[in-house]
Amino acid sequence: MRRREARRQALSLLYQIEVGGWSPQEAVEEFLARHDPADEEVAFVTETVRGTMEHLTEIDALIEAHAPEWPMERMPVTDRCIMRMATYELLYRPEIPSAVTINEAVVLAKRYGTEDSGRFVNGVLGAILRERAGESRENPVTNHTSEERK
């Protein structure tokens, strides 16, 4: 399994949790029963699903803040799951380049979402990334941006 396939698998598990009513634990256990847990990509899938669900409140708040016209319950389920997974990567997987995360999310959205999903996912994730990039430029001593110090 390659990383792209691992993301597709993670999306499938997040979809099962969202639509099928599975608990994250059930979804991960069922997945692990079919795969070798020592496989690096399998570890990526399980970490992504667990991490996304662990930080779901924060992730959903960020997505909602950057898509105010689209409440979470109105978003297509696949778009919602893709953006949750990608937002988790952007926030908690710094070893993965942000451009890779967003590109892979757009690829999934185009494949599994609606005609507009690719643009929608790209726009929301890009806005989250820009906000996060601005926060990382803050002065750690004063916790103020350079604009606030002027």
N, C-alpha and C. Protein backbone atom coordinates (compact mmCIF):
# COMPACT_ATOMS: atom_id res chain seq x y z
N MET A 1 0.86 -1.17 0.00
CA MET A 1 0.00 0.00 0.00
C MET A 1 0.90 1.24 0.00
N ARG A 2 0.57 2.20 -0.81
CA ARG A 2 1.33 3.44 -0.86
C ARG A 2 0.58 4.50 -0.07
N ARG A 3 1.20 5.66 0.13
CA ARG A 3 0.61 6.72 0.94
C ARG A 3 -0.73 7.19 0.37
N ARG A 4 -0.84 7.31 -0.95
CA ARG A 4 -2.11 7.73 -1.54
C ARG A 4 -3.22 6.72 -1.22
N GLU A 5 -2.88 5.45 -1.34
CA GLU A 5 -3.84 4.40 -0.99
C GLU A 5 -4.15 4.44 0.51
N ALA A 6 -3.15 4.74 1.32
CA ALA A 6 -3.38 4.84 2.77
C ALA A 6 -4.38 5.96 3.08
N ARG A 7 -4.27 7.06 2.38
CA ARG A 7 -5.23 8.15 2.59
C ARG A 7 -6.63 7.73 2.14
N ARG A 8 -6.71 7.00 1.05
CA ARG A 8 -8.00 6.50 0.58
C ARG A 8 -8.62 5.57 1.62
N GLN A 9 -7.78 4.72 2.20
CA GLN A 9 -8.25 3.81 3.25
C GLN A 9 -8.72 4.59 4.48
N ALA A 10 -7.95 5.61 4.88
CA ALA A 10 -8.33 6.43 6.03
C ALA A 10 -9.66 7.13 5.76
N LEU A 11 -9.84 7.64 4.53
CA LEU A 11 -11.10 8.26 4.15
C LEU A 11 -12.24 7.26 4.28
N SER A 12 -12.03 6.05 3.84
CA SER A 12 -13.05 5.01 3.92
C SER A 12 -13.45 4.75 5.38
N LEU A 13 -12.47 4.69 6.25
CA LEU A 13 -12.76 4.45 7.68
C LEU A 13 -13.50 5.64 8.29
N LEU A 14 -13.07 6.85 7.96
CA LEU A 14 -13.76 8.04 8.48
C LEU A 14 -15.20 8.09 7.97
N TYR A 15 -15.40 7.66 6.74
CA TYR A 15 -16.75 7.61 6.18
C TYR A 15 -17.59 6.57 6.93
N GLN A 16 -17.01 5.40 7.22
CA GLN A 16 -17.73 4.38 7.99
C GLN A 16 -18.13 4.90 9.36
N ILE A 17 -17.25 5.65 9.98
CA ILE A 17 -17.54 6.22 11.29
C ILE A 17 -18.69 7.23 11.18
N GLU A 18 -18.61 8.08 10.17
CA GLU A 18 -19.60 9.15 9.98
C GLU A 18 -20.96 8.62 9.56
N VAL A 19 -21.00 7.76 8.56
CA VAL A 19 -22.26 7.33 7.98
C VAL A 19 -22.75 6.01 8.60
N GLY A 20 -21.83 5.12 8.84
CA GLY A 20 -22.21 3.80 9.33
C GLY A 20 -22.41 3.71 10.82
N GLY A 21 -22.04 4.78 11.53
CA GLY A 21 -22.21 4.77 12.97
C GLY A 21 -21.19 3.93 13.72
N TRP A 22 -20.12 3.55 13.03
CA TRP A 22 -19.08 2.78 13.68
C TRP A 22 -18.35 3.66 14.68
N SER A 23 -17.85 3.07 15.74
CA SER A 23 -16.97 3.81 16.63
C SER A 23 -15.59 3.83 15.98
N PRO A 24 -14.77 4.83 16.30
CA PRO A 24 -13.41 4.82 15.75
C PRO A 24 -12.67 3.53 16.08
N GLN A 25 -12.85 3.03 17.29
CA GLN A 25 -12.18 1.80 17.71
C GLN A 25 -12.62 0.62 16.83
N GLU A 26 -13.92 0.48 16.59
CA GLU A 26 -14.43 -0.61 15.74
C GLU A 26 -13.87 -0.52 14.33
N ALA A 27 -13.87 0.68 13.78
CA ALA A 27 -13.39 0.86 12.41
C ALA A 27 -11.91 0.48 12.30
N VAL A 28 -11.11 0.95 13.24
CA VAL A 28 -9.67 0.66 13.21
C VAL A 28 -9.42 -0.83 13.44
N GLU A 29 -10.12 -1.45 14.39
CA GLU A 29 -9.93 -2.88 14.65
C GLU A 29 -10.29 -3.72 13.43
N GLU A 30 -11.39 -3.37 12.76
CA GLU A 30 -11.80 -4.11 11.57
C GLU A 30 -10.74 -3.95 10.47
N PHE A 31 -10.21 -2.75 10.32
CA PHE A 31 -9.17 -2.49 9.32
C PHE A 31 -7.90 -3.30 9.65
N LEU A 32 -7.50 -3.28 10.91
CA LEU A 32 -6.28 -4.00 11.31
C LEU A 32 -6.43 -5.51 11.15
N ALA A 33 -7.64 -6.02 11.27
CA ALA A 33 -7.88 -7.45 11.10
C ALA A 33 -7.61 -7.89 9.67
N ARG A 34 -7.69 -6.95 8.73
CA ARG A 34 -7.47 -7.26 7.31
C ARG A 34 -6.08 -6.89 6.81
N HIS A 35 -5.25 -6.25 7.65
CA HIS A 35 -3.95 -5.77 7.20
C HIS A 35 -2.87 -6.09 8.23
N ASP A 36 -1.63 -6.07 7.78
CA ASP A 36 -0.49 -6.30 8.66
C ASP A 36 -0.19 -5.01 9.43
N PRO A 37 -0.39 -5.01 10.76
CA PRO A 37 -0.18 -3.78 11.54
C PRO A 37 1.26 -3.25 11.48
N ALA A 38 2.21 -4.08 11.07
CA ALA A 38 3.60 -3.63 10.98
C ALA A 38 3.87 -2.81 9.72
N ASP A 39 2.96 -2.85 8.77
CA ASP A 39 3.11 -2.10 7.52
C ASP A 39 3.06 -0.60 7.82
N GLU A 40 4.01 0.15 7.29
CA GLU A 40 4.11 1.59 7.56
C GLU A 40 2.84 2.34 7.14
N GLU A 41 2.27 1.98 6.01
CA GLU A 41 1.06 2.66 5.55
C GLU A 41 -0.14 2.32 6.42
N VAL A 42 -0.19 1.10 6.94
CA VAL A 42 -1.27 0.71 7.85
C VAL A 42 -1.18 1.56 9.12
N ALA A 43 0.03 1.76 9.60
CA ALA A 43 0.22 2.63 10.76
C ALA A 43 -0.23 4.06 10.44
N PHE A 44 0.04 4.51 9.23
CA PHE A 44 -0.39 5.85 8.80
C PHE A 44 -1.91 5.95 8.83
N VAL A 45 -2.59 4.94 8.31
CA VAL A 45 -4.06 4.93 8.29
C VAL A 45 -4.61 5.00 9.71
N THR A 46 -4.13 4.13 10.57
CA THR A 46 -4.68 4.08 11.94
C THR A 46 -4.37 5.36 12.71
N GLU A 47 -3.17 5.90 12.55
CA GLU A 47 -2.82 7.15 13.22
C GLU A 47 -3.67 8.30 12.70
N THR A 48 -3.90 8.33 11.40
CA THR A 48 -4.71 9.40 10.80
C THR A 48 -6.15 9.35 11.31
N VAL A 49 -6.73 8.17 11.33
CA VAL A 49 -8.12 8.03 11.79
C VAL A 49 -8.22 8.37 13.27
N ARG A 50 -7.36 7.79 14.07
CA ARG A 50 -7.40 8.06 15.51
C ARG A 50 -7.14 9.53 15.82
N GLY A 51 -6.15 10.11 15.17
CA GLY A 51 -5.82 11.52 15.40
C GLY A 51 -6.92 12.45 14.95
N THR A 52 -7.52 12.16 13.80
CA THR A 52 -8.62 12.98 13.31
C THR A 52 -9.78 12.95 14.30
N MET A 53 -10.12 11.77 14.78
CA MET A 53 -11.25 11.66 15.70
C MET A 53 -10.92 12.26 17.07
N GLU A 54 -9.68 12.13 17.49
CA GLU A 54 -9.26 12.69 18.79
C GLU A 54 -9.35 14.21 18.79
N HIS A 55 -9.07 14.84 17.67
CA HIS A 55 -9.05 16.31 17.56
C HIS A 55 -10.24 16.85 16.78
N LEU A 56 -11.31 16.06 16.70
CA LEU A 56 -12.45 16.39 15.85
C LEU A 56 -13.08 17.74 16.17
N THR A 57 -13.22 18.07 17.43
CA THR A 57 -13.86 19.34 17.80
C THR A 57 -13.05 20.52 17.27
N GLU A 58 -11.75 20.49 17.47
CA GLU A 58 -10.88 21.57 16.98
C GLU A 58 -10.88 21.62 15.46
N ILE A 59 -10.79 20.46 14.83
CA ILE A 59 -10.76 20.38 13.37
C ILE A 59 -12.06 20.92 12.77
N ASP A 60 -13.19 20.49 13.31
CA ASP A 60 -14.47 20.96 12.79
C ASP A 60 -14.63 22.47 12.97
N ALA A 61 -14.17 23.00 14.10
CA ALA A 61 -14.26 24.45 14.33
C ALA A 61 -13.45 25.20 13.28
N LEU A 62 -12.28 24.71 12.93
CA LEU A 62 -11.46 25.36 11.91
C LEU A 62 -12.14 25.31 10.54
N ILE A 63 -12.66 24.15 10.20
CA ILE A 63 -13.32 24.01 8.90
C ILE A 63 -14.53 24.94 8.84
N GLU A 64 -15.33 24.95 9.88
CA GLU A 64 -16.52 25.82 9.90
C GLU A 64 -16.14 27.29 9.83
N ALA A 65 -15.05 27.67 10.48
CA ALA A 65 -14.61 29.07 10.45
C ALA A 65 -14.18 29.51 9.05
N HIS A 66 -13.70 28.56 8.25
CA HIS A 66 -13.21 28.89 6.91
C HIS A 66 -14.20 28.53 5.80
N ALA A 67 -15.37 28.06 6.20
CA ALA A 67 -16.45 27.78 5.24
C ALA A 67 -17.77 28.20 5.89
N PRO A 68 -17.89 29.49 6.25
CA PRO A 68 -19.06 29.92 7.03
C PRO A 68 -20.39 29.74 6.32
N GLU A 69 -20.41 29.71 5.00
CA GLU A 69 -21.66 29.52 4.27
C GLU A 69 -22.07 28.05 4.22
N TRP A 70 -21.19 27.18 4.68
CA TRP A 70 -21.44 25.74 4.62
C TRP A 70 -21.34 25.12 6.00
N PRO A 71 -22.43 25.06 6.75
CA PRO A 71 -22.39 24.35 8.03
C PRO A 71 -21.99 22.89 7.80
N MET A 72 -21.32 22.31 8.75
CA MET A 72 -20.80 20.94 8.60
C MET A 72 -21.88 19.96 8.14
N GLU A 73 -23.08 20.08 8.70
CA GLU A 73 -24.14 19.12 8.35
C GLU A 73 -24.64 19.29 6.91
N ARG A 74 -24.35 20.42 6.27
CA ARG A 74 -24.75 20.64 4.88
C ARG A 74 -23.68 20.21 3.88
N MET A 75 -22.46 20.04 4.35
CA MET A 75 -21.38 19.63 3.45
C MET A 75 -21.58 18.18 3.03
N PRO A 76 -21.22 17.85 1.79
CA PRO A 76 -21.22 16.44 1.43
C PRO A 76 -20.31 15.66 2.38
N VAL A 77 -20.75 14.47 2.76
CA VAL A 77 -20.02 13.67 3.74
C VAL A 77 -18.58 13.44 3.30
N THR A 78 -18.37 13.14 2.03
CA THR A 78 -17.00 12.87 1.58
C THR A 78 -16.13 14.11 1.73
N ASP A 79 -16.66 15.27 1.36
CA ASP A 79 -15.89 16.51 1.50
C ASP A 79 -15.53 16.74 2.97
N ARG A 80 -16.50 16.54 3.82
CA ARG A 80 -16.28 16.74 5.26
C ARG A 80 -15.19 15.81 5.78
N CYS A 81 -15.26 14.54 5.41
CA CYS A 81 -14.26 13.56 5.87
C CYS A 81 -12.88 13.87 5.31
N ILE A 82 -12.82 14.25 4.05
CA ILE A 82 -11.54 14.59 3.42
C ILE A 82 -10.91 15.80 4.12
N MET A 83 -11.71 16.84 4.35
CA MET A 83 -11.17 18.04 4.98
C MET A 83 -10.76 17.78 6.43
N ARG A 84 -11.49 16.94 7.13
CA ARG A 84 -11.10 16.59 8.50
C ARG A 84 -9.74 15.90 8.51
N MET A 85 -9.60 14.92 7.64
CA MET A 85 -8.35 14.17 7.57
C MET A 85 -7.19 15.08 7.18
N ALA A 86 -7.39 15.92 6.19
CA ALA A 86 -6.32 16.82 5.73
C ALA A 86 -6.00 17.87 6.78
N THR A 87 -7.01 18.37 7.48
CA THR A 87 -6.76 19.36 8.53
C THR A 87 -5.95 18.72 9.65
N TYR A 88 -6.25 17.48 9.98
CA TYR A 88 -5.44 16.76 10.97
C TYR A 88 -3.98 16.73 10.50
N GLU A 89 -3.75 16.38 9.25
CA GLU A 89 -2.38 16.34 8.73
C GLU A 89 -1.72 17.71 8.82
N LEU A 90 -2.44 18.75 8.43
CA LEU A 90 -1.87 20.11 8.46
C LEU A 90 -1.48 20.52 9.87
N LEU A 91 -2.29 20.14 10.85
CA LEU A 91 -2.05 20.56 12.23
C LEU A 91 -1.08 19.68 12.99
N TYR A 92 -1.13 18.37 12.75
CA TYR A 92 -0.43 17.44 13.62
C TYR A 92 0.60 16.55 12.94
N ARG A 93 0.80 16.71 11.65
CA ARG A 93 1.81 15.92 10.94
C ARG A 93 2.78 16.86 10.22
N PRO A 94 3.60 17.60 10.97
CA PRO A 94 4.48 18.59 10.34
C PRO A 94 5.52 17.98 9.40
N GLU A 95 5.77 16.69 9.51
CA GLU A 95 6.74 16.06 8.61
C GLU A 95 6.18 15.88 7.20
N ILE A 96 4.88 16.04 7.04
CA ILE A 96 4.26 15.94 5.71
C ILE A 96 4.12 17.35 5.15
N PRO A 97 4.71 17.62 4.00
CA PRO A 97 4.59 18.97 3.42
C PRO A 97 3.12 19.35 3.22
N SER A 98 2.79 20.57 3.57
CA SER A 98 1.41 21.06 3.46
C SER A 98 0.89 20.95 2.04
N ALA A 99 1.75 21.25 1.06
CA ALA A 99 1.33 21.17 -0.34
C ALA A 99 0.92 19.74 -0.71
N VAL A 100 1.62 18.76 -0.17
CA VAL A 100 1.29 17.35 -0.44
C VAL A 100 -0.07 17.02 0.18
N THR A 101 -0.26 17.44 1.42
CA THR A 101 -1.53 17.18 2.10
C THR A 101 -2.70 17.76 1.31
N ILE A 102 -2.59 19.02 0.91
CA ILE A 102 -3.69 19.67 0.20
C ILE A 102 -3.89 19.03 -1.18
N ASN A 103 -2.81 18.77 -1.90
CA ASN A 103 -2.93 18.14 -3.21
C ASN A 103 -3.62 16.78 -3.11
N GLU A 104 -3.23 15.97 -2.15
CA GLU A 104 -3.84 14.65 -1.99
C GLU A 104 -5.31 14.76 -1.62
N ALA A 105 -5.65 15.75 -0.80
CA ALA A 105 -7.06 15.96 -0.43
C ALA A 105 -7.88 16.35 -1.66
N VAL A 106 -7.32 17.20 -2.50
CA VAL A 106 -8.02 17.63 -3.72
C VAL A 106 -8.21 16.44 -4.66
N VAL A 107 -7.19 15.60 -4.78
CA VAL A 107 -7.30 14.41 -5.63
C VAL A 107 -8.45 13.52 -5.13
N LEU A 108 -8.51 13.30 -3.82
CA LEU A 108 -9.59 12.49 -3.26
C LEU A 108 -10.95 13.15 -3.49
N ALA A 109 -11.01 14.46 -3.31
CA ALA A 109 -12.27 15.18 -3.48
C ALA A 109 -12.77 15.09 -4.92
N LYS A 110 -11.86 15.22 -5.87
CA LYS A 110 -12.24 15.12 -7.28
C LYS A 110 -12.71 13.71 -7.62
N ARG A 111 -12.11 12.72 -6.98
CA ARG A 111 -12.45 11.33 -7.28
C ARG A 111 -13.75 10.89 -6.61
N TYR A 112 -13.95 11.31 -5.36
CA TYR A 112 -15.08 10.78 -4.60
C TYR A 112 -16.17 11.80 -4.29
N GLY A 113 -15.92 13.07 -4.58
CA GLY A 113 -16.89 14.10 -4.24
C GLY A 113 -17.73 14.53 -5.43
N THR A 114 -18.27 15.70 -5.29
CA THR A 114 -19.12 16.28 -6.34
C THR A 114 -18.25 17.00 -7.37
N GLU A 115 -18.87 17.57 -8.36
CA GLU A 115 -18.15 18.31 -9.39
C GLU A 115 -17.37 19.49 -8.81
N ASP A 116 -17.89 20.10 -7.75
CA ASP A 116 -17.25 21.26 -7.13
C ASP A 116 -16.35 20.92 -5.94
N SER A 117 -16.28 19.66 -5.57
CA SER A 117 -15.57 19.29 -4.36
C SER A 117 -14.08 19.66 -4.37
N GLY A 118 -13.42 19.47 -5.48
CA GLY A 118 -11.99 19.78 -5.55
C GLY A 118 -11.70 21.23 -5.23
N ARG A 119 -12.46 22.13 -5.83
CA ARG A 119 -12.26 23.57 -5.58
C ARG A 119 -12.64 23.93 -4.15
N PHE A 120 -13.73 23.37 -3.66
CA PHE A 120 -14.19 23.65 -2.31
C PHE A 120 -13.15 23.21 -1.27
N VAL A 121 -12.70 21.97 -1.38
CA VAL A 121 -11.71 21.43 -0.45
C VAL A 121 -10.42 22.23 -0.53
N ASN A 122 -9.97 22.54 -1.74
CA ASN A 122 -8.76 23.32 -1.92
C ASN A 122 -8.88 24.70 -1.25
N GLY A 123 -10.00 25.36 -1.44
CA GLY A 123 -10.20 26.70 -0.87
C GLY A 123 -10.21 26.70 0.64
N VAL A 124 -10.93 25.76 1.23
CA VAL A 124 -11.01 25.71 2.70
C VAL A 124 -9.66 25.34 3.30
N LEU A 125 -9.01 24.33 2.76
CA LEU A 125 -7.71 23.92 3.30
C LEU A 125 -6.65 25.00 3.08
N GLY A 126 -6.70 25.68 1.94
CA GLY A 126 -5.77 26.77 1.70
C GLY A 126 -5.94 27.89 2.71
N ALA A 127 -7.18 28.20 3.06
CA ALA A 127 -7.45 29.24 4.05
C ALA A 127 -6.94 28.82 5.43
N ILE A 128 -7.14 27.56 5.78
CA ILE A 128 -6.63 27.06 7.06
C ILE A 128 -5.12 27.14 7.09
N LEU A 129 -4.48 26.74 6.00
CA LEU A 129 -3.02 26.79 5.91
C LEU A 129 -2.51 28.22 6.04
N ARG A 130 -3.14 29.16 5.34
CA ARG A 130 -2.71 30.56 5.42
C ARG A 130 -2.85 31.09 6.84
N GLU A 131 -3.93 30.75 7.51
CA GLU A 131 -4.11 31.18 8.90
C GLU A 131 -3.02 30.59 9.78
N ARG A 132 -2.75 29.31 9.61
CA ARG A 132 -1.72 28.65 10.43
C ARG A 132 -0.34 29.20 10.13
N ALA A 133 -0.07 29.52 8.88
CA ALA A 133 1.23 30.10 8.52
C ALA A 133 1.41 31.45 9.19
N GLY A 134 0.35 32.23 9.27
CA GLY A 134 0.40 33.52 9.95
C GLY A 134 0.68 33.37 11.42
N GLU A 135 0.09 32.35 12.04
CA GLU A 135 0.32 32.09 13.47
C GLU A 135 1.76 31.66 13.73
N SER A 136 2.35 30.92 12.80
CA SER A 136 3.71 30.44 13.02
C SER A 136 4.73 31.56 12.92
N ARG A 137 4.33 32.70 12.35
CA ARG A 137 5.25 33.84 12.25
C ARG A 137 5.18 34.73 13.49
N GLU A 138 4.37 34.35 14.46
CA GLU A 138 4.28 35.14 15.68
C GLU A 138 5.60 35.08 16.44
N ASN A 139 5.89 36.13 17.15
CA ASN A 139 7.06 36.18 18.01
C ASN A 139 6.78 35.32 19.24
N PRO A 140 7.56 34.26 19.48
CA PRO A 140 7.27 33.37 20.59
C PRO A 140 7.42 34.04 21.96
N VAL A 141 8.19 35.10 22.05
CA VAL A 141 8.39 35.76 23.34
C VAL A 141 7.19 36.62 23.70
N THR A 142 6.73 37.42 22.76
CA THR A 142 5.62 38.32 23.05
C THR A 142 4.28 37.77 22.61
N ASN A 143 4.31 36.71 21.77
CA ASN A 143 3.09 36.11 21.23
C ASN A 143 2.27 37.12 20.43
N HIS A 144 2.94 38.04 19.76
CA HIS A 144 2.29 39.01 18.89
C HIS A 144 2.92 38.94 17.52
N THR A 145 2.13 39.19 16.51
CA THR A 145 2.67 39.22 15.16
C THR A 145 3.44 40.53 14.97
N SER A 146 4.21 40.57 13.91
CA SER A 146 4.99 41.79 13.63
C SER A 146 4.06 42.96 13.39
N GLU A 147 2.88 42.75 12.81
CA GLU A 147 1.92 43.83 12.57
C GLU A 147 1.42 44.41 13.89
N GLU A 148 1.19 43.54 14.87
CA GLU A 148 0.68 44.01 16.17
C GLU A 148 1.73 44.81 16.93
N ARG A 149 3.01 44.55 16.68
CA ARG A 149 4.09 45.24 17.40
C ARG A 149 4.33 46.65 16.85
N LYS A 150 3.83 46.94 15.67
CA LYS A 150 4.08 48.26 15.05
C LYS A 150 3.31 49.35 15.76
